[in-house]
Amino acid sequence: MKKYFCILFAVMLFAMVPAASLGQTRSGKKPRVERKSTQKKASKKSSVKKGTTIKNDDDKDKKEDEIMTIEELKAMVTASDQKDSQNYNEEKVFNSVEQMPQFPGGDAALMKYLASHINYPSEAVKNNNQGRVILQFVVEKDGSIGEVKVVRSVDDALDKEAVRVIKSLPKFTPGRQSGKPVRVWYTLPVTFKLTGTQTQQTQPVQ
C-alpha cells in the first residue's frame, strides 16, 4: 500500500513540475502588462507635449497681437505728433519768409499814412523829446495787425503814440511761405523830430 502511495506521489510530483515550469513561462508574459503601462505613460507624455505645443502657439499669437497693437499705437502717436507740429506751424510767427507782407501801395504809401496820422505828443514837444522809436508787430495771415511791441524806446509818450498809429494801420497783403499765408514779424522804425509840429518817419525795415 505504501509502495503504491509513494509511486502515486512521485507521479503527481513529476506532473506538477512541468506545470510550475509552464507557470513561470506564462509569468514571463507579465512584461506585456508592463508594456501596456509603458505605452500609457508614453501616451501621457505625448499628450503633455502636444499640450505644450498648443500653449506655445497661443503665446506666439499673443505676442504677435501685442506687436501689432504696439505698432498701431506708434502710428497713432506719430499721427498725433504730426498734427501737433502742423498746429504749431500754423501759430508760428516767422521773422523772414519767401514773400514778406506788403502795405497797400508799397512803402511810400506807408510813410504817407504815418505822416498824416501821427500826432506829436504835447508833453514830448514841451520837454523837447525826439528820436527814433523802433517797433515790431505781427502781420497776421489775414493781413491784420496783431501783437505790437516796442523794441527801442525813446520816451513813454512817443512810444505810446507810435504804438497807437501802428495799431491803426489798414490790412497788409499777408506774407507767404511755401505758397501759404503765414504770420510774420514786421519791423518799423518811426522817427520823431521836432520841426515845428511835423514828424518824420524812416523807411520800414523788413
C-alpha atoms as a PDB file:
ATOM      1  CA  MET A   1       0.000   0.000   0.000  1.00  0.00           C
ATOM      2  CA  LYS A   2       2.769   2.354   0.995  1.00  0.00           C
ATOM      3  CA  LYS A   3       4.598   1.383  -2.140  1.00  0.00           C
ATOM      4  CA  TYR A   4       1.678   2.362  -4.318  1.00  0.00           C
ATOM      5  CA  PHE A   5       1.254   5.595  -2.418  1.00  0.00           C
ATOM      6  CA  CYS A   6       4.910   6.573  -2.974  1.00  0.00           C
ATOM      7  CA  ILE A   7       4.663   5.806  -6.683  1.00  0.00           C
ATOM      8  CA  LEU A   8       1.473   7.872  -6.949  1.00  0.00           C
ATOM      9  CA  PHE A   9       3.086  10.785  -5.076  1.00  0.00           C
ATOM     10  CA  ALA A  10       6.112  10.644  -7.369  1.00  0.00           C
ATOM     11  CA  VAL A  11       3.890  10.685 -10.450  1.00  0.00           C
ATOM     12  CA  MET A  12       1.957  13.647  -9.110  1.00  0.00           C
ATOM     13  CA  LEU A  13       5.157  15.498  -8.280  1.00  0.00           C
ATOM     14  CA  PHE A  14       6.532  14.840 -11.737  1.00  0.00           C
ATOM     15  CA  ALA A  15       3.301  16.100 -13.264  1.00  0.00           C
ATOM     16  CA  MET A  16       3.479  19.317 -11.197  1.00  0.00           C
ATOM     17  CA  VAL A  17       6.998  20.207 -12.333  1.00  0.00           C
ATOM     18  CA  PRO A  18       6.044  20.994 -15.948  1.00  0.00           C
ATOM     19  CA  ALA A  19       3.034  22.908 -14.634  1.00  0.00           C
ATOM     20  CA  ALA A  20       5.260  25.065 -12.441  1.00  0.00           C
ATOM     21  CA  SER A  21       7.662  25.472 -15.316  1.00  0.00           C
ATOM     22  CA  LEU A  22       4.766  26.393 -17.557  1.00  0.00           C
ATOM     23  CA  GLY A  23       3.561  28.855 -14.914  1.00  0.00           C
ATOM     24  CA  GLN A  24       6.968  30.538 -14.959  1.00  0.00           C
ATOM     25  CA  THR A  25       6.871  30.651 -18.714  1.00  0.00           C
ATOM     26  CA  ARG A  26       3.483  32.275 -18.597  1.00  0.00           C
ATOM     27  CA  SER A  27       4.683  34.577 -15.854  1.00  0.00           C
ATOM     28  CA  GLY A  28       7.250  35.773 -18.373  1.00  0.00           C
ATOM     29  CA  LYS A  29       4.329  37.279 -20.253  1.00  0.00           C
ATOM     30  CA  LYS A  30       3.846  39.808 -17.441  1.00  0.00           C
ATOM     31  CA  PRO A  31       6.072  42.379 -19.278  1.00  0.00           C
ATOM     32  CA  ARG A  32       3.123  42.650 -21.683  1.00  0.00           C
ATOM     33  CA  VAL A  33       1.213  44.299 -18.874  1.00  0.00           C
ATOM     34  CA  GLU A  34       4.216  46.483 -18.154  1.00  0.00           C
ATOM     35  CA  ARG A  35       4.374  47.368 -21.841  1.00  0.00           C
ATOM     36  CA  LYS A  36       0.787  48.485 -21.692  1.00  0.00           C
ATOM     37  CA  SER A  37       1.648  50.594 -18.675  1.00  0.00           C
ATOM     38  CA  THR A  38       4.655  51.995 -20.515  1.00  0.00           C
ATOM     39  CA  GLN A  39       2.526  52.757 -23.511  1.00  0.00           C
ATOM     40  CA  LYS A  40       0.054  54.566 -21.301  1.00  0.00           C
ATOM     41  CA  LYS A  41       2.853  56.589 -19.746  1.00  0.00           C
ATOM     42  CA  ALA A  42       4.266  57.355 -23.156  1.00  0.00           C
ATOM     43  CA  SER A  43       0.817  58.338 -24.296  1.00  0.00           C
ATOM     44  CA  LYS A  44       0.511  60.703 -21.333  1.00  0.00           C
ATOM     45  CA  LYS A  45       3.906  62.201 -22.084  1.00  0.00           C
ATOM     46  CA  SER A  46       2.914  62.602 -25.706  1.00  0.00           C
ATOM     47  CA  SER A  47      -0.292  64.344 -24.717  1.00  0.00           C
ATOM     48  CA  VAL A  48       1.663  66.693 -22.450  1.00  0.00           C
ATOM     49  CA  LYS A  49       3.974  67.585 -25.292  1.00  0.00           C
ATOM     50  CA  LYS A  50       1.051  68.307 -27.553  1.00  0.00           C
ATOM     51  CA  GLY A  51      -0.498  70.470 -24.864  1.00  0.00           C
ATOM     52  CA  THR A  52       2.770  72.388 -24.513  1.00  0.00           C
ATOM     53  CA  THR A  53       2.948  72.943 -28.244  1.00  0.00           C
ATOM     54  CA  ILE A  54      -0.542  74.396 -28.295  1.00  0.00           C
ATOM     55  CA  LYS A  55       0.355  76.688 -25.386  1.00  0.00           C
ATOM     56  CA  ASN A  56       3.424  77.932 -27.210  1.00  0.00           C
ATOM     57  CA  ASP A  57       1.338  78.683 -30.297  1.00  0.00           C
ATOM     58  CA  ASP A  58      -1.091  80.669 -28.161  1.00  0.00           C
ATOM     59  CA  ASP A  59       1.785  82.621 -26.628  1.00  0.00           C
ATOM     60  CA  LYS A  60       3.166  83.301 -30.098  1.00  0.00           C
ATOM     61  CA  ASP A  61      -0.197  84.553 -31.284  1.00  0.00           C
ATOM     62  CA  LYS A  62      -0.485  86.751 -28.208  1.00  0.00           C
ATOM     63  CA  LYS A  63       2.976  88.179 -28.831  1.00  0.00           C
ATOM     64  CA  GLU A  64       2.096  88.888 -32.453  1.00  0.00           C
ATOM     65  CA  ASP A  65      -1.105  90.594 -31.331  1.00  0.00           C
ATOM     66  CA  GLU A  66       0.877  92.673 -28.838  1.00  0.00           C
ATOM     67  CA  ILE A  67       3.358  93.663 -31.543  1.00  0.00           C
ATOM     68  CA  MET A  68       0.547  94.738 -33.839  1.00  0.00           C
ATOM     69  CA  THR A  69      -1.009  96.732 -31.028  1.00  0.00           C
ATOM     70  CA  ILE A  70       2.273  98.485 -30.287  1.00  0.00           C
ATOM     71  CA  GLU A  71       2.791  99.313 -33.965  1.00  0.00           C
ATOM     72  CA  GLU A  72      -0.719 100.714 -34.164  1.00  0.00           C
ATOM     73  CA  LEU A  73      -0.039 102.772 -31.038  1.00  0.00           C
ATOM     74  CA  LYS A  74       3.172 104.108 -32.563  1.00  0.00           C
ATOM     75  CA  ALA A  75       1.258 105.075 -35.683  1.00  0.00           C
ATOM     76  CA  MET A  76      -1.306 106.882 -33.548  1.00  0.00           C
ATOM     77  CA  VAL A  77       1.415 108.709 -31.631  1.00  0.00           C
ATOM     78  CA  THR A  78       3.174 109.641 -34.873  1.00  0.00           C
ATOM     79  CA  ALA A  79      -0.065 110.963 -36.333  1.00  0.00           C
ATOM     80  CA  SER A  80      -0.666 112.920 -33.133  1.00  0.00           C
ATOM     81  CA  ASP A  81       2.853 114.403 -33.258  1.00  0.00           C
ATOM     82  CA  GLN A  82       2.377 115.433 -36.877  1.00  0.00           C
ATOM     83  CA  LYS A  83      -0.921 117.092 -36.031  1.00  0.00           C
ATOM     84  CA  ASP A  84       0.654 118.999 -33.121  1.00  0.00           C
ATOM     85  CA  SER A  85       3.546 120.031 -35.363  1.00  0.00           C
ATOM     86  CA  GLN A  86       1.106 121.255 -38.005  1.00  0.00           C
ATOM     87  CA  ASN A  87      -0.820 123.286 -35.423  1.00  0.00           C
ATOM     88  CA  TYR A  88       2.462 124.707 -34.149  1.00  0.00           C
ATOM     89  CA  ASN A  89       3.455 125.799 -37.651  1.00  0.00           C
ATOM     90  CA  GLU A  90       0.085 127.471 -38.119  1.00  0.00           C
ATOM     91  CA  GLU A  91       0.636 129.550 -34.952  1.00  0.00           C
ATOM     92  CA  LYS A  92       4.334 130.203 -35.531  1.00  0.00           C
ATOM     93  CA  VAL A  93       5.379 133.769 -36.283  1.00  0.00           C
ATOM     94  CA  PHE A  94       8.130 133.934 -38.912  1.00  0.00           C
ATOM     95  CA  ASN A  95      10.904 136.502 -38.900  1.00  0.00           C
ATOM     96  CA  SER A  96      11.568 136.086 -42.599  1.00  0.00           C
ATOM     97  CA  VAL A  97       9.513 134.452 -45.339  1.00  0.00           C
ATOM     98  CA  GLU A  98       9.649 133.954 -49.077  1.00  0.00           C
ATOM     99  CA  GLN A  99       7.133 136.755 -49.632  1.00  0.00           C
ATOM    100  CA  MET A 100       7.113 139.494 -46.984  1.00  0.00           C
ATOM    101  CA  PRO A 101       3.926 141.362 -46.018  1.00  0.00           C
ATOM    102  CA  GLN A 102       3.230 144.452 -48.120  1.00  0.00           C
ATOM    103  CA  PHE A 103       1.388 147.633 -47.182  1.00  0.00           C
ATOM    104  CA  PRO A 104      -1.248 148.607 -49.774  1.00  0.00           C
ATOM    105  CA  GLY A 105       0.522 150.889 -52.239  1.00  0.00           C
ATOM    106  CA  GLY A 106       4.012 149.968 -51.007  1.00  0.00           C
ATOM    107  CA  ASP A 107       6.457 151.663 -48.636  1.00  0.00           C
ATOM    108  CA  ALA A 108       5.778 155.166 -49.979  1.00  0.00           C
ATOM    109  CA  ALA A 109       2.100 154.796 -49.117  1.00  0.00           C
ATOM    110  CA  LEU A 110       3.069 153.540 -45.639  1.00  0.00           C
ATOM    111  CA  MET A 111       5.245 156.613 -44.994  1.00  0.00           C
ATOM    112  CA  LYS A 112       2.450 158.894 -46.146  1.00  0.00           C
ATOM    113  CA  TYR A 113      -0.013 157.163 -43.846  1.00  0.00           C
ATOM    114  CA  LEU A 114       2.277 157.576 -40.821  1.00  0.00           C
ATOM    115  CA  ALA A 115       2.958 161.257 -41.568  1.00  0.00           C
ATOM    116  CA  SER A 116      -0.736 162.036 -41.780  1.00  0.00           C
ATOM    117  CA  HIS A 117      -1.805 160.061 -38.708  1.00  0.00           C
ATOM    118  CA  ILE A 118       0.922 160.677 -36.115  1.00  0.00           C
ATOM    119  CA  ASN A 119       0.206 163.382 -33.550  1.00  0.00           C
ATOM    120  CA  TYR A 120       3.316 164.635 -31.802  1.00  0.00           C
ATOM    121  CA  PRO A 121       2.542 164.408 -28.074  1.00  0.00           C
ATOM    122  CA  SER A 122       2.354 167.870 -26.454  1.00  0.00           C
ATOM    123  CA  GLU A 123       4.289 166.603 -23.459  1.00  0.00           C
ATOM    124  CA  ALA A 124       7.118 165.464 -25.733  1.00  0.00           C
ATOM    125  CA  VAL A 125       7.104 168.850 -27.502  1.00  0.00           C
ATOM    126  CA  LYS A 126       7.201 170.661 -24.164  1.00  0.00           C
ATOM    127  CA  ASN A 127      10.141 168.538 -22.988  1.00  0.00           C
ATOM    128  CA  ASN A 128      11.792 168.723 -26.405  1.00  0.00           C
ATOM    129  CA  ASN A 129      11.800 164.912 -26.659  1.00  0.00           C
ATOM    130  CA  GLN A 130      12.572 163.430 -30.051  1.00  0.00           C
ATOM    131  CA  GLY A 131      14.221 160.380 -31.550  1.00  0.00           C
ATOM    132  CA  ARG A 132      13.519 157.060 -33.242  1.00  0.00           C
ATOM    133  CA  VAL A 133      11.127 154.509 -31.808  1.00  0.00           C
ATOM    134  CA  ILE A 134      11.643 151.034 -33.235  1.00  0.00           C
ATOM    135  CA  LEU A 135       8.609 148.787 -33.203  1.00  0.00           C
ATOM    136  CA  GLN A 136       7.842 145.225 -34.164  1.00  0.00           C
ATOM    137  CA  PHE A 137       4.372 143.995 -34.967  1.00  0.00           C
ATOM    138  CA  VAL A 138       2.802 140.821 -36.281  1.00  0.00           C
ATOM    139  CA  VAL A 139       1.097 140.859 -39.652  1.00  0.00           C
ATOM    140  CA  GLU A 140      -1.478 138.098 -39.306  1.00  0.00           C
ATOM    141  CA  LYS A 141      -2.430 135.599 -42.002  1.00  0.00           C
ATOM    142  CA  ASP A 142      -5.367 137.777 -42.983  1.00  0.00           C
ATOM    143  CA  GLY A 143      -3.156 140.890 -43.170  1.00  0.00           C
ATOM    144  CA  SER A 144      -4.431 142.470 -39.959  1.00  0.00           C
ATOM    145  CA  ILE A 145      -2.130 143.882 -37.273  1.00  0.00           C
ATOM    146  CA  GLY A 146      -1.539 141.578 -34.322  1.00  0.00           C
ATOM    147  CA  GLU A 147       0.826 141.978 -31.399  1.00  0.00           C
ATOM    148  CA  VAL A 148       2.771 145.265 -31.265  1.00  0.00           C
ATOM    149  CA  LYS A 149       5.856 145.782 -29.111  1.00  0.00           C
ATOM    150  CA  VAL A 150       8.470 148.490 -28.673  1.00  0.00           C
ATOM    151  CA  VAL A 151      11.970 147.195 -29.405  1.00  0.00           C
ATOM    152  CA  ARG A 152      13.737 150.500 -28.807  1.00  0.00           C
ATOM    153  CA  SER A 153      12.176 153.171 -26.621  1.00  0.00           C
ATOM    154  CA  VAL A 154      12.763 156.948 -26.688  1.00  0.00           C
ATOM    155  CA  ASP A 155      10.095 158.410 -24.465  1.00  0.00           C
ATOM    156  CA  ASP A 156       6.957 156.980 -22.917  1.00  0.00           C
ATOM    157  CA  ALA A 157       4.702 159.480 -24.697  1.00  0.00           C
ATOM    158  CA  LEU A 158       6.405 158.926 -28.061  1.00  0.00           C
ATOM    159  CA  ASP A 159       6.308 155.122 -27.602  1.00  0.00           C
ATOM    160  CA  LYS A 160       2.560 155.167 -26.933  1.00  0.00           C
ATOM    161  CA  GLU A 161       1.872 157.369 -29.951  1.00  0.00           C
ATOM    162  CA  ALA A 162       3.918 155.123 -32.243  1.00  0.00           C
ATOM    163  CA  VAL A 163       2.081 152.016 -30.976  1.00  0.00           C
ATOM    164  CA  ARG A 164      -1.292 153.730 -31.439  1.00  0.00           C
ATOM    165  CA  VAL A 165      -0.598 154.575 -35.070  1.00  0.00           C
ATOM    166  CA  ILE A 166       0.733 151.081 -35.860  1.00  0.00           C
ATOM    167  CA  LYS A 167      -2.435 149.513 -34.451  1.00  0.00           C
ATOM    168  CA  SER A 168      -4.498 151.764 -36.705  1.00  0.00           C
ATOM    169  CA  LEU A 169      -2.787 150.569 -39.898  1.00  0.00           C
ATOM    170  CA  PRO A 170      -5.060 149.068 -42.565  1.00  0.00           C
ATOM    171  CA  LYS A 171      -4.600 145.445 -43.581  1.00  0.00           C
ATOM    172  CA  PHE A 172      -1.399 144.409 -45.314  1.00  0.00           C
ATOM    173  CA  THR A 173      -1.057 141.856 -48.053  1.00  0.00           C
ATOM    174  CA  PRO A 174      -0.059 138.906 -45.824  1.00  0.00           C
ATOM    175  CA  GLY A 175       3.327 137.248 -46.008  1.00  0.00           C
ATOM    176  CA  ARG A 176       3.578 133.818 -47.607  1.00  0.00           C
ATOM    177  CA  GLN A 177       5.721 130.768 -47.067  1.00  0.00           C
ATOM    178  CA  SER A 178       5.511 127.792 -49.454  1.00  0.00           C
ATOM    179  CA  GLY A 179       2.550 129.498 -51.099  1.00  0.00           C
ATOM    180  CA  LYS A 180       0.546 129.717 -47.858  1.00  0.00           C
ATOM    181  CA  PRO A 181      -0.247 132.852 -45.819  1.00  0.00           C
ATOM    182  CA  VAL A 182       1.650 132.906 -42.529  1.00  0.00           C
ATOM    183  CA  ARG A 183       2.135 135.173 -39.547  1.00  0.00           C
ATOM    184  CA  VAL A 184       5.190 137.431 -39.898  1.00  0.00           C
ATOM    185  CA  TRP A 185       7.061 139.821 -37.655  1.00  0.00           C
ATOM    186  CA  TYR A 186       7.381 143.257 -39.299  1.00  0.00           C
ATOM    187  CA  THR A 187       9.905 145.837 -38.036  1.00  0.00           C
ATOM    188  CA  LEU A 188       9.218 149.535 -38.479  1.00  0.00           C
ATOM    189  CA  PRO A 189      11.300 152.439 -37.086  1.00  0.00           C
ATOM    190  CA  VAL A 190       9.392 155.681 -36.528  1.00  0.00           C
ATOM    191  CA  THR A 191      11.458 158.850 -36.116  1.00  0.00           C
ATOM    192  CA  PHE A 192      10.070 161.758 -34.150  1.00  0.00           C
ATOM    193  CA  LYS A 193      11.837 165.024 -34.956  1.00  0.00           C
ATOM    194  CA  LEU A 194      10.738 168.469 -33.864  1.00  0.00           C
ATOM    195  CA  THR A 195      10.403 170.720 -36.901  1.00  0.00           C
ATOM    196  CA  GLY A 196       7.511 172.879 -35.866  1.00  0.00           C
ATOM    197  CA  THR A 197       4.609 170.448 -35.470  1.00  0.00           C
ATOM    198  CA  GLN A 198       5.835 167.952 -38.071  1.00  0.00           C
ATOM    199  CA  THR A 199       7.303 164.454 -37.588  1.00  0.00           C
ATOM    200  CA  GLN A 200       9.465 162.386 -39.891  1.00  0.00           C
ATOM    201  CA  GLN A 201       9.401 158.634 -40.426  1.00  0.00           C
ATOM    202  CA  THR A 202      12.156 156.413 -41.764  1.00  0.00           C
ATOM    203  CA  GLN A 203      11.802 153.594 -44.270  1.00  0.00           C
ATOM    204  CA  PRO A 204      10.459 150.329 -42.802  1.00  0.00           C
ATOM    205  CA  VAL A 205      12.914 147.559 -42.062  1.00  0.00           C
ATOM    206  CA  GLN A 206      11.555 144.215 -43.236  1.00  0.00           C
END
